[in-house]
Amino acid sequence: MAAAIGVLLLVLGAHAIATTRHKSQWLYVSDSTKTIRIYKLPLVASSRVSSVLSAPGNGPGYGMAVDHAGRIYIAEANADLIGVFAPNPKTRRMEAVASIQTAKPAYDVAVDAAGNVFAAEPSGNDIQVFKSPVTSASRAAFAISSDIENPYGLAFDSHGMLFVCNDRSVVEFRPPFGAHSASSRSVAVASQSQPDFGQGITVDTKGNVFFGYGTHVEVAKSPYANGQTSVFNLVLPPHASIMYLAFDHNGNLYVAAQFGSGNKDNGVYVFDAPLRSDRENISARFLSLDQATGLTVLTH
């Protein structure tokens, strides 16, 4: 009997592993219109749009996020709202389920493990926080403003730390969060001679923080000593404007970059894992998409 139970447990364990391995990943990409395009991963030369969503506000869509329940969030700065999509229980197709009103234009959104929604509002110099569960009637429970100045990018790491990309700095906040939260440490600081930081920010499984910086991507390696960063050599066409960034569950990095309306280089650049800081990382694939802005990866 014990042997039989052991065999059964091994079979169930193998089935669970196989099920996890066979989960699909989907790339969601917003652009300067109200459109959100969905692509099945991995991207290949013949990849086509699997489905299209329309942002609930007036667009354009900017930063995006996904929560543990598979809901997708998009910051719509021009409409002063966060759009929320969730899978229909019967059809499994994504549907708009809520439009969360923000006090000022929000350019990025992040969701913690509890489902609380964080919205970056650069013109208000704060992070608005909406308590879970969120609905269209939700209003911000509090705002984080200490050490926040023109925030355009937000990201959580696997330990629940919140990273904020300000114009001139990247800072970390530790939970629990509240109106009196202050940053726990500085991750990166721009010197007087340097331009402002960009919009996108994301964190890999090792805690390294990647963020857009003008025409390139920089990385702050844990434990973020003295706010020092290094250029992460992702090979992009000249004069790129880095928008938003995201990792998939295989460690591949997706970078939305713009070069001006109608430019053939506009789109999403994919850099395969493992990424290396000691050599050039060549884009493995390119998804041509004019005015690509926000992106996130959903696994289900």
C-alpha atoms as a PDB file:
ATOM      1  CA  MET A   1       0.000   0.000   0.000  1.00  0.00           C
ATOM      2  CA  ALA A   2       2.783   2.439   0.953  1.00  0.00           C
ATOM      3  CA  ALA A   3       4.548   1.723  -2.319  1.00  0.00           C
ATOM      4  CA  ALA A   4       1.349   2.336  -4.264  1.00  0.00           C
ATOM      5  CA  ILE A   5       0.765   5.635  -2.481  1.00  0.00           C
ATOM      6  CA  GLY A   6       4.351   6.648  -3.209  1.00  0.00           C
ATOM      7  CA  VAL A   7       3.914   5.898  -6.893  1.00  0.00           C
ATOM      8  CA  LEU A   8       0.637   7.849  -6.944  1.00  0.00           C
ATOM      9  CA  LEU A   9       2.288  10.872  -5.301  1.00  0.00           C
ATOM     10  CA  LEU A  10       5.113  10.752  -7.834  1.00  0.00           C
ATOM     11  CA  VAL A  11       2.618  10.654 -10.685  1.00  0.00           C
ATOM     12  CA  LEU A  12       0.610  13.553  -9.249  1.00  0.00           C
ATOM     13  CA  GLY A  13       3.799  15.542  -8.682  1.00  0.00           C
ATOM     14  CA  ALA A  14       4.941  14.938 -12.237  1.00  0.00           C
ATOM     15  CA  HIS A  15       1.498  15.960 -13.505  1.00  0.00           C
ATOM     16  CA  ALA A  16       1.631  19.199 -11.480  1.00  0.00           C
ATOM     17  CA  ILE A  17       5.071  20.017 -12.859  1.00  0.00           C
ATOM     18  CA  ALA A  18       3.947  19.251 -16.396  1.00  0.00           C
ATOM     19  CA  THR A  19       0.845  21.402 -15.943  1.00  0.00           C
ATOM     20  CA  THR A  20       2.959  24.309 -14.711  1.00  0.00           C
ATOM     21  CA  ARG A  21       5.376  23.941 -17.598  1.00  0.00           C
ATOM     22  CA  HIS A  22       2.581  23.929 -20.135  1.00  0.00           C
ATOM     23  CA  LYS A  23       0.947  27.152 -18.994  1.00  0.00           C
ATOM     24  CA  SER A  24       0.722  29.685 -21.790  1.00  0.00           C
ATOM     25  CA  GLN A  25       2.229  33.168 -21.658  1.00  0.00           C
ATOM     26  CA  TRP A  26       0.673  36.174 -23.377  1.00  0.00           C
ATOM     27  CA  LEU A  27       2.204  39.557 -24.122  1.00  0.00           C
ATOM     28  CA  TYR A  28      -0.127  42.548 -23.756  1.00  0.00           C
ATOM     29  CA  VAL A  29       1.022  45.732 -25.518  1.00  0.00           C
ATOM     30  CA  SER A  30      -0.659  49.144 -25.334  1.00  0.00           C
ATOM     31  CA  ASP A  31      -0.074  51.930 -27.818  1.00  0.00           C
ATOM     32  CA  SER A  32      -0.796  55.617 -28.291  1.00  0.00           C
ATOM     33  CA  THR A  33      -4.398  54.858 -29.266  1.00  0.00           C
ATOM     34  CA  LYS A  34      -6.954  53.002 -27.130  1.00  0.00           C
ATOM     35  CA  THR A  35      -5.744  49.641 -28.450  1.00  0.00           C
ATOM     36  CA  ILE A  36      -4.220  46.804 -26.418  1.00  0.00           C
ATOM     37  CA  ARG A  37      -2.843  43.989 -28.573  1.00  0.00           C
ATOM     38  CA  ILE A  38      -2.363  40.459 -27.273  1.00  0.00           C
ATOM     39  CA  TYR A  39       0.297  38.061 -28.603  1.00  0.00           C
ATOM     40  CA  LYS A  40       0.948  34.478 -27.616  1.00  0.00           C
ATOM     41  CA  LEU A  41       4.521  33.833 -26.502  1.00  0.00           C
ATOM     42  CA  PRO A  42       7.098  33.017 -27.604  1.00  0.00           C
ATOM     43  CA  LEU A  43       7.119  35.618 -30.340  1.00  0.00           C
ATOM     44  CA  VAL A  44       8.275  34.358 -33.725  1.00  0.00           C
ATOM     45  CA  ALA A  45       8.632  35.961 -37.128  1.00  0.00           C
ATOM     46  CA  SER A  46       5.110  34.863 -38.041  1.00  0.00           C
ATOM     47  CA  SER A  47       3.473  36.044 -34.788  1.00  0.00           C
ATOM     48  CA  ARG A  48       0.160  37.779 -35.280  1.00  0.00           C
ATOM     49  CA  VAL A  49      -2.239  39.524 -32.931  1.00  0.00           C
ATOM     50  CA  SER A  50      -4.294  36.893 -31.082  1.00  0.00           C
ATOM     51  CA  SER A  51      -6.857  39.338 -29.764  1.00  0.00           C
ATOM     52  CA  VAL A  52      -7.433  43.062 -29.271  1.00  0.00           C
ATOM     53  CA  LEU A  53      -8.849  44.993 -26.322  1.00  0.00           C
ATOM     54  CA  SER A  54     -10.064  48.573 -26.248  1.00  0.00           C
ATOM     55  CA  ALA A  55      -9.024  50.639 -23.235  1.00  0.00           C
ATOM     56  CA  PRO A  56     -12.116  51.860 -21.353  1.00  0.00           C
ATOM     57  CA  GLY A  57     -11.072  55.532 -21.290  1.00  0.00           C
ATOM     58  CA  ASN A  58     -10.053  57.958 -24.014  1.00  0.00           C
ATOM     59  CA  GLY A  59      -6.541  56.545 -24.247  1.00  0.00           C
ATOM     60  CA  PRO A  60      -3.689  56.419 -24.858  1.00  0.00           C
ATOM     61  CA  GLY A  61      -2.605  53.567 -22.627  1.00  0.00           C
ATOM     62  CA  TYR A  62       0.707  53.730 -20.803  1.00  0.00           C
ATOM     63  CA  GLY A  63       2.081  51.431 -18.080  1.00  0.00           C
ATOM     64  CA  MET A  64       0.429  48.064 -17.476  1.00  0.00           C
ATOM     65  CA  ALA A  65       0.375  45.418 -14.727  1.00  0.00           C
ATOM     66  CA  VAL A  66      -1.061  41.984 -14.010  1.00  0.00           C
ATOM     67  CA  ASP A  67      -2.193  40.577 -10.651  1.00  0.00           C
ATOM     68  CA  HIS A  68      -2.179  37.026  -9.261  1.00  0.00           C
ATOM     69  CA  ALA A  69      -5.786  36.480 -10.355  1.00  0.00           C
ATOM     70  CA  GLY A  70      -4.944  37.210 -13.994  1.00  0.00           C
ATOM     71  CA  ARG A  71      -6.478  40.676 -14.131  1.00  0.00           C
ATOM     72  CA  ILE A  72      -4.826  43.252 -16.364  1.00  0.00           C
ATOM     73  CA  TYR A  73      -4.474  46.922 -15.354  1.00  0.00           C
ATOM     74  CA  ILE A  74      -3.655  49.825 -17.673  1.00  0.00           C
ATOM     75  CA  ALA A  75      -2.860  53.441 -16.785  1.00  0.00           C
ATOM     76  CA  GLU A  76      -4.725  55.881 -19.001  1.00  0.00           C
ATOM     77  CA  ALA A  77      -3.208  59.274 -18.280  1.00  0.00           C
ATOM     78  CA  ASN A  78      -5.424  61.283 -20.623  1.00  0.00           C
ATOM     79  CA  ALA A  79      -8.575  59.845 -19.054  1.00  0.00           C
ATOM     80  CA  ASP A  80      -7.422  60.067 -15.408  1.00  0.00           C
ATOM     81  CA  LEU A  81      -8.209  56.420 -14.772  1.00  0.00           C
ATOM     82  CA  ILE A  82      -6.900  52.888 -14.399  1.00  0.00           C
ATOM     83  CA  GLY A  83      -8.666  50.399 -16.665  1.00  0.00           C
ATOM     84  CA  VAL A  84      -9.152  46.859 -15.332  1.00  0.00           C
ATOM     85  CA  PHE A  85      -9.728  43.710 -17.411  1.00  0.00           C
ATOM     86  CA  ALA A  86     -10.557  40.238 -16.124  1.00  0.00           C
ATOM     87  CA  PRO A  87     -11.149  36.873 -17.822  1.00  0.00           C
ATOM     88  CA  ASN A  88     -14.789  35.930 -18.345  1.00  0.00           C
ATOM     89  CA  PRO A  89     -15.380  32.747 -16.269  1.00  0.00           C
ATOM     90  CA  LYS A  90     -17.164  31.045 -19.184  1.00  0.00           C
ATOM     91  CA  THR A  91     -15.343  32.226 -22.294  1.00  0.00           C
ATOM     92  CA  ARG A  92     -11.970  33.038 -20.619  1.00  0.00           C
ATOM     93  CA  ARG A  93     -11.796  36.090 -22.869  1.00  0.00           C
ATOM     94  CA  MET A  94     -10.670  39.342 -21.294  1.00  0.00           C
ATOM     95  CA  GLU A  95     -13.403  41.879 -20.585  1.00  0.00           C
ATOM     96  CA  ALA A  96     -13.350  45.377 -19.081  1.00  0.00           C
ATOM     97  CA  VAL A  97     -14.636  45.105 -15.506  1.00  0.00           C
ATOM     98  CA  ALA A  98     -13.731  48.427 -13.888  1.00  0.00           C
ATOM     99  CA  SER A  99     -12.483  51.965 -14.479  1.00  0.00           C
ATOM    100  CA  ILE A 100     -10.781  53.375 -11.381  1.00  0.00           C
ATOM    101  CA  GLN A 101     -10.773  57.167 -11.265  1.00  0.00           C
ATOM    102  CA  THR A 102      -7.437  58.758 -10.347  1.00  0.00           C
ATOM    103  CA  ALA A 103      -6.964  62.236  -8.888  1.00  0.00           C
ATOM    104  CA  LYS A 104      -4.493  63.217 -11.613  1.00  0.00           C
ATOM    105  CA  PRO A 105      -3.152  61.572 -14.782  1.00  0.00           C
ATOM    106  CA  ALA A 106      -1.548  58.200 -13.954  1.00  0.00           C
ATOM    107  CA  TYR A 107       1.287  56.938 -16.156  1.00  0.00           C
ATOM    108  CA  ASP A 108       2.012  53.598 -14.540  1.00  0.00           C
ATOM    109  CA  VAL A 109       0.311  51.042 -12.329  1.00  0.00           C
ATOM    110  CA  ALA A 110       1.479  48.187 -10.102  1.00  0.00           C
ATOM    111  CA  VAL A 111      -0.410  45.639  -8.009  1.00  0.00           C
ATOM    112  CA  ASP A 112       0.857  44.024  -4.800  1.00  0.00           C
ATOM    113  CA  ALA A 113       0.240  40.424  -3.695  1.00  0.00           C
ATOM    114  CA  ALA A 114      -2.918  41.452  -1.821  1.00  0.00           C
ATOM    115  CA  GLY A 115      -4.439  43.042  -4.927  1.00  0.00           C
ATOM    116  CA  ASN A 116      -3.954  46.655  -3.811  1.00  0.00           C
ATOM    117  CA  VAL A 117      -3.459  48.978  -6.784  1.00  0.00           C
ATOM    118  CA  PHE A 118      -0.692  51.616  -6.901  1.00  0.00           C
ATOM    119  CA  ALA A 119      -0.932  54.440  -9.462  1.00  0.00           C
ATOM    120  CA  ALA A 120       1.981  56.771 -10.338  1.00  0.00           C
ATOM    121  CA  GLU A 121       0.814  60.383 -10.745  1.00  0.00           C
ATOM    122  CA  PRO A 122       3.756  62.588 -11.815  1.00  0.00           C
ATOM    123  CA  SER A 123       1.807  65.872 -11.827  1.00  0.00           C
ATOM    124  CA  GLY A 124       0.699  65.191  -8.244  1.00  0.00           C
ATOM    125  CA  ASN A 125       4.133  64.009  -7.101  1.00  0.00           C
ATOM    126  CA  ASP A 126       2.606  61.009  -5.392  1.00  0.00           C
ATOM    127  CA  ILE A 127       1.550  57.362  -5.602  1.00  0.00           C
ATOM    128  CA  GLN A 128      -2.196  56.854  -5.142  1.00  0.00           C
ATOM    129  CA  VAL A 129      -3.112  53.565  -3.446  1.00  0.00           C
ATOM    130  CA  PHE A 130      -6.459  51.810  -3.921  1.00  0.00           C
ATOM    131  CA  LYS A 131      -7.391  49.031  -1.504  1.00  0.00           C
ATOM    132  CA  SER A 132      -8.423  45.591  -2.737  1.00  0.00           C
ATOM    133  CA  PRO A 133     -10.934  44.615  -4.019  1.00  0.00           C
ATOM    134  CA  VAL A 134     -11.063  47.453  -6.541  1.00  0.00           C
ATOM    135  CA  THR A 135     -14.179  48.495  -8.455  1.00  0.00           C
ATOM    136  CA  SER A 136     -15.218  51.494 -10.523  1.00  0.00           C
ATOM    137  CA  ALA A 137     -16.418  53.062  -7.260  1.00  0.00           C
ATOM    138  CA  SER A 138     -12.991  52.731  -5.613  1.00  0.00           C
ATOM    139  CA  ARG A 139     -11.251  55.875  -4.439  1.00  0.00           C
ATOM    140  CA  ALA A 140      -7.676  56.188  -3.222  1.00  0.00           C
ATOM    141  CA  ALA A 141      -7.307  55.096   0.406  1.00  0.00           C
ATOM    142  CA  PHE A 142      -4.113  57.121   0.791  1.00  0.00           C
ATOM    143  CA  ALA A 143      -1.224  58.619  -1.146  1.00  0.00           C
ATOM    144  CA  ILE A 144       2.523  58.113  -0.743  1.00  0.00           C
ATOM    145  CA  SER A 145       4.354  61.389  -1.316  1.00  0.00           C
ATOM    146  CA  SER A 146       7.566  61.231   0.728  1.00  0.00           C
ATOM    147  CA  ASP A 147      10.617  60.929  -1.577  1.00  0.00           C
ATOM    148  CA  ILE A 148       8.329  61.020  -4.633  1.00  0.00           C
ATOM    149  CA  GLU A 149       8.982  63.533  -7.419  1.00  0.00           C
ATOM    150  CA  ASN A 150       7.548  63.139 -10.931  1.00  0.00           C
ATOM    151  CA  PRO A 151       7.045  59.360 -10.693  1.00  0.00           C
ATOM    152  CA  TYR A 152       6.565  57.633 -14.046  1.00  0.00           C
ATOM    153  CA  GLY A 153       7.410  54.000 -13.302  1.00  0.00           C
ATOM    154  CA  LEU A 154       6.356  51.446 -10.664  1.00  0.00           C
ATOM    155  CA  ALA A 155       7.330  47.814 -10.063  1.00  0.00           C
ATOM    156  CA  PHE A 156       7.134  45.238  -7.272  1.00  0.00           C
ATOM    157  CA  ASP A 157       9.755  42.581  -6.679  1.00  0.00           C
ATOM    158  CA  SER A 158       9.023  39.046  -5.489  1.00  0.00           C
ATOM    159  CA  HIS A 159       9.382  40.129  -1.848  1.00  0.00           C
ATOM    160  CA  GLY A 160       6.739  42.857  -2.062  1.00  0.00           C
ATOM    161  CA  MET A 161       9.172  45.784  -2.239  1.00  0.00           C
ATOM    162  CA  LEU A 162       7.895  48.710  -4.295  1.00  0.00           C
ATOM    163  CA  PHE A 163      10.331  50.437  -6.665  1.00  0.00           C
ATOM    164  CA  VAL A 164       9.516  53.910  -7.975  1.00  0.00           C
ATOM    165  CA  CYS A 165      11.211  55.549 -10.945  1.00  0.00           C
ATOM    166  CA  ASN A 166      11.231  59.310 -10.342  1.00  0.00           C
ATOM    167  CA  ASP A 167      12.644  61.839 -12.789  1.00  0.00           C
ATOM    168  CA  ARG A 168      15.979  61.959 -11.003  1.00  0.00           C
ATOM    169  CA  SER A 169      16.035  58.899  -8.769  1.00  0.00           C
ATOM    170  CA  VAL A 170      14.868  55.332  -8.259  1.00  0.00           C
ATOM    171  CA  VAL A 171      13.787  54.554  -4.688  1.00  0.00           C
ATOM    172  CA  GLU A 172      12.564  51.488  -2.801  1.00  0.00           C
ATOM    173  CA  PHE A 173       9.649  51.308  -0.355  1.00  0.00           C
ATOM    174  CA  ARG A 174       9.114  48.464   2.083  1.00  0.00           C
ATOM    175  CA  PRO A 175       5.692  47.227   3.217  1.00  0.00           C
ATOM    176  CA  PRO A 176       3.470  47.841   5.072  1.00  0.00           C
ATOM    177  CA  PHE A 177       2.488  50.920   3.064  1.00  0.00           C
ATOM    178  CA  GLY A 178       0.662  53.973   4.344  1.00  0.00           C
ATOM    179  CA  ALA A 179       0.322  57.725   3.944  1.00  0.00           C
ATOM    180  CA  HIS A 180       3.492  58.228   6.009  1.00  0.00           C
ATOM    181  CA  SER A 181       5.635  55.697   4.121  1.00  0.00           C
ATOM    182  CA  ALA A 182       9.144  56.901   3.310  1.00  0.00           C
ATOM    183  CA  SER A 183      11.647  55.252   1.021  1.00  0.00           C
ATOM    184  CA  SER A 184      13.801  52.596   2.671  1.00  0.00           C
ATOM    185  CA  ARG A 185      16.802  53.221   0.425  1.00  0.00           C
ATOM    186  CA  SER A 186      17.973  54.901  -2.748  1.00  0.00           C
ATOM    187  CA  VAL A 187      18.487  52.550  -5.679  1.00  0.00           C
ATOM    188  CA  ALA A 188      19.758  54.992  -8.318  1.00  0.00           C
ATOM    189  CA  VAL A 189      20.426  58.729  -8.544  1.00  0.00           C
ATOM    190  CA  ALA A 190      20.972  60.841 -11.660  1.00  0.00           C
ATOM    191  CA  SER A 191      23.902  63.265 -11.469  1.00  0.00           C
ATOM    192  CA  GLN A 192      23.509  66.918 -12.400  1.00  0.00           C
ATOM    193  CA  SER A 193      25.062  66.342 -15.829  1.00  0.00           C
ATOM    194  CA  GLN A 194      22.725  63.463 -16.679  1.00  0.00           C
ATOM    195  CA  PRO A 195      19.267  63.656 -18.269  1.00  0.00           C
ATOM    196  CA  ASP A 196      16.114  62.551 -16.482  1.00  0.00           C
ATOM    197  CA  PHE A 197      15.369  58.885 -16.028  1.00  0.00           C
ATOM    198  CA  GLY A 198      12.780  57.304 -18.311  1.00  0.00           C
ATOM    199  CA  GLN A 199       9.377  55.776 -17.678  1.00  0.00           C
ATOM    200  CA  GLY A 200       9.684  52.009 -17.582  1.00  0.00           C
ATOM    201  CA  ILE A 201      10.976  49.991 -14.637  1.00  0.00           C
ATOM    202  CA  THR A 202      10.985  46.265 -13.885  1.00  0.00           C
ATOM    203  CA  VAL A 203      12.727  43.866 -11.493  1.00  0.00           C
ATOM    204  CA  ASP A 204      14.176  40.447 -12.300  1.00  0.00           C
ATOM    205  CA  THR A 205      14.071  37.377 -10.063  1.00  0.00           C
ATOM    206  CA  LYS A 206      17.453  38.277  -8.533  1.00  0.00           C
ATOM    207  CA  GLY A 207      16.272  41.728  -7.443  1.00  0.00           C
ATOM    208  CA  ASN A 208      18.158  43.621 -10.149  1.00  0.00           C
ATOM    209  CA  VAL A 209      16.241  46.746 -11.150  1.00  0.00           C
ATOM    210  CA  PHE A 210      16.058  47.618 -14.862  1.00  0.00           C
ATOM    211  CA  PHE A 211      14.836  51.039 -15.952  1.00  0.00           C
ATOM    212  CA  GLY A 212      14.750  53.189 -19.044  1.00  0.00           C
ATOM    213  CA  TYR A 213      17.269  56.005 -19.171  1.00  0.00           C
ATOM    214  CA  GLY A 214      17.128  58.141 -22.277  1.00  0.00           C
ATOM    215  CA  THR A 215      18.280  56.006 -25.204  1.00  0.00           C
ATOM    216  CA  HIS A 216      19.331  52.959 -23.182  1.00  0.00           C
ATOM    217  CA  VAL A 217      18.468  50.707 -20.247  1.00  0.00           C
ATOM    218  CA  GLU A 218      20.352  50.847 -16.943  1.00  0.00           C
ATOM    219  CA  VAL A 219      20.467  48.279 -14.178  1.00  0.00           C
ATOM    220  CA  ALA A 220      20.910  48.710 -10.436  1.00  0.00           C
ATOM    221  CA  LYS A 221      22.208  45.471  -8.980  1.00  0.00           C
ATOM    222  CA  SER A 222      21.168  44.368  -5.518  1.00  0.00           C
ATOM    223  CA  PRO A 223      22.129  45.539  -2.864  1.00  0.00           C
ATOM    224  CA  TYR A 224      22.147  48.886  -4.751  1.00  0.00           C
ATOM    225  CA  ALA A 225      25.362  50.237  -3.217  1.00  0.00           C
ATOM    226  CA  ASN A 226      25.550  54.059  -3.119  1.00  0.00           C
ATOM    227  CA  GLY A 227      22.953  54.493  -5.828  1.00  0.00           C
ATOM    228  CA  GLN A 228      25.382  53.222  -8.462  1.00  0.00           C
ATOM    229  CA  THR A 229      24.096  51.856 -11.756  1.00  0.00           C
ATOM    230  CA  SER A 230      25.584  50.540 -14.931  1.00  0.00           C
ATOM    231  CA  VAL A 231      24.524  50.634 -18.541  1.00  0.00           C
ATOM    232  CA  PHE A 232      23.031  47.291 -19.443  1.00  0.00           C
ATOM    233  CA  ASN A 233      24.168  46.776 -22.979  1.00  0.00           C
ATOM    234  CA  LEU A 234      20.927  46.048 -24.809  1.00  0.00           C
ATOM    235  CA  VAL A 235      21.546  46.717 -28.473  1.00  0.00           C
ATOM    236  CA  LEU A 236      18.826  49.027 -29.790  1.00  0.00           C
ATOM    237  CA  PRO A 237      18.725  51.306 -32.853  1.00  0.00           C
ATOM    238  CA  PRO A 238      20.197  54.793 -32.242  1.00  0.00           C
ATOM    239  CA  HIS A 239      18.086  57.501 -30.607  1.00  0.00           C
ATOM    240  CA  ALA A 240      15.647  55.145 -28.896  1.00  0.00           C
ATOM    241  CA  SER A 241      13.134  56.509 -26.423  1.00  0.00           C
ATOM    242  CA  ILE A 242      12.639  53.743 -23.869  1.00  0.00           C
ATOM    243  CA  MET A 243       9.011  53.427 -22.809  1.00  0.00           C
ATOM    244  CA  TYR A 244       8.109  50.460 -20.567  1.00  0.00           C
ATOM    245  CA  LEU A 245       9.749  47.114 -19.798  1.00  0.00           C
ATOM    246  CA  ALA A 246       8.635  43.677 -18.590  1.00  0.00           C
ATOM    247  CA  PHE A 247      10.046  40.195 -17.958  1.00  0.00           C
ATOM    248  CA  ASP A 248       8.271  36.966 -18.800  1.00  0.00           C
ATOM    249  CA  HIS A 249       8.487  33.883 -16.576  1.00  0.00           C
ATOM    250  CA  ASN A 250      11.454  32.561 -18.547  1.00  0.00           C
ATOM    251  CA  GLY A 251      13.544  35.651 -17.811  1.00  0.00           C
ATOM    252  CA  ASN A 252      13.226  37.153 -21.291  1.00  0.00           C
ATOM    253  CA  LEU A 253      13.069  40.959 -21.309  1.00  0.00           C
ATOM    254  CA  TYR A 254      10.609  42.966 -23.434  1.00  0.00           C
ATOM    255  CA  VAL A 255      11.378  46.627 -24.144  1.00  0.00           C
ATOM    256  CA  ALA A 256       8.900  49.014 -25.808  1.00  0.00           C
ATOM    257  CA  ALA A 257      10.829  51.711 -27.675  1.00  0.00           C
ATOM    258  CA  GLN A 258       9.792  54.686 -29.796  1.00  0.00           C
ATOM    259  CA  PHE A 259      11.666  56.671 -32.420  1.00  0.00           C
ATOM    260  CA  GLY A 260       8.959  59.076 -33.591  1.00  0.00           C
ATOM    261  CA  SER A 261       5.551  58.529 -35.144  1.00  0.00           C
ATOM    262  CA  GLY A 262       5.680  56.301 -38.223  1.00  0.00           C
ATOM    263  CA  ASN A 263       9.290  55.222 -37.705  1.00  0.00           C
ATOM    264  CA  LYS A 264       9.982  51.652 -38.839  1.00  0.00           C
ATOM    265  CA  ASP A 265      11.938  50.952 -35.652  1.00  0.00           C
ATOM    266  CA  ASN A 266       8.972  51.593 -33.329  1.00  0.00           C
ATOM    267  CA  GLY A 267       7.931  48.470 -31.473  1.00  0.00           C
ATOM    268  CA  VAL A 268       8.862  45.840 -28.901  1.00  0.00           C
ATOM    269  CA  TYR A 269      12.380  44.411 -28.669  1.00  0.00           C
ATOM    270  CA  VAL A 270      12.863  40.987 -27.072  1.00  0.00           C
ATOM    271  CA  PHE A 271      16.103  40.067 -25.297  1.00  0.00           C
ATOM    272  CA  ASP A 272      16.401  36.385 -24.434  1.00  0.00           C
ATOM    273  CA  ALA A 273      17.638  35.055 -21.109  1.00  0.00           C
ATOM    274  CA  PRO A 274      20.197  34.810 -19.736  1.00  0.00           C
ATOM    275  CA  LEU A 275      20.979  38.524 -19.942  1.00  0.00           C
ATOM    276  CA  ARG A 276      24.633  39.448 -19.473  1.00  0.00           C
ATOM    277  CA  SER A 277      26.110  42.681 -18.172  1.00  0.00           C
ATOM    278  CA  ASP A 278      29.595  41.903 -19.518  1.00  0.00           C
ATOM    279  CA  ARG A 279      28.689  41.721 -23.203  1.00  0.00           C
ATOM    280  CA  GLU A 280      26.262  43.022 -25.781  1.00  0.00           C
ATOM    281  CA  ASN A 281      22.749  41.609 -25.615  1.00  0.00           C
ATOM    282  CA  ILE A 282      21.345  41.376 -29.126  1.00  0.00           C
ATOM    283  CA  SER A 283      17.590  41.578 -29.633  1.00  0.00           C
ATOM    284  CA  ALA A 284      16.411  38.089 -30.539  1.00  0.00           C
ATOM    285  CA  ARG A 285      13.095  39.245 -31.952  1.00  0.00           C
ATOM    286  CA  PHE A 286      11.377  42.474 -32.913  1.00  0.00           C
ATOM    287  CA  LEU A 287       7.642  43.179 -32.945  1.00  0.00           C
ATOM    288  CA  SER A 288       6.929  46.114 -35.225  1.00  0.00           C
ATOM    289  CA  LEU A 289       4.266  48.296 -33.617  1.00  0.00           C
ATOM    290  CA  ASP A 290       3.992  52.032 -34.127  1.00  0.00           C
ATOM    291  CA  GLN A 291       3.872  53.999 -30.865  1.00  0.00           C
ATOM    292  CA  ALA A 292       4.118  50.957 -28.556  1.00  0.00           C
ATOM    293  CA  THR A 293       4.040  52.139 -24.950  1.00  0.00           C
ATOM    294  CA  GLY A 294       3.089  49.847 -22.065  1.00  0.00           C
ATOM    295  CA  LEU A 295       3.461  46.090 -21.824  1.00  0.00           C
ATOM    296  CA  THR A 296       2.975  43.217 -19.401  1.00  0.00           C
ATOM    297  CA  VAL A 297       3.040  39.408 -19.509  1.00  0.00           C
ATOM    298  CA  LEU A 298       0.157  37.216 -18.338  1.00  0.00           C
ATOM    299  CA  THR A 299       0.597  33.507 -17.581  1.00  0.00           C
ATOM    300  CA  HIS A 300      -2.381  31.139 -17.489  1.00  0.00           C
END
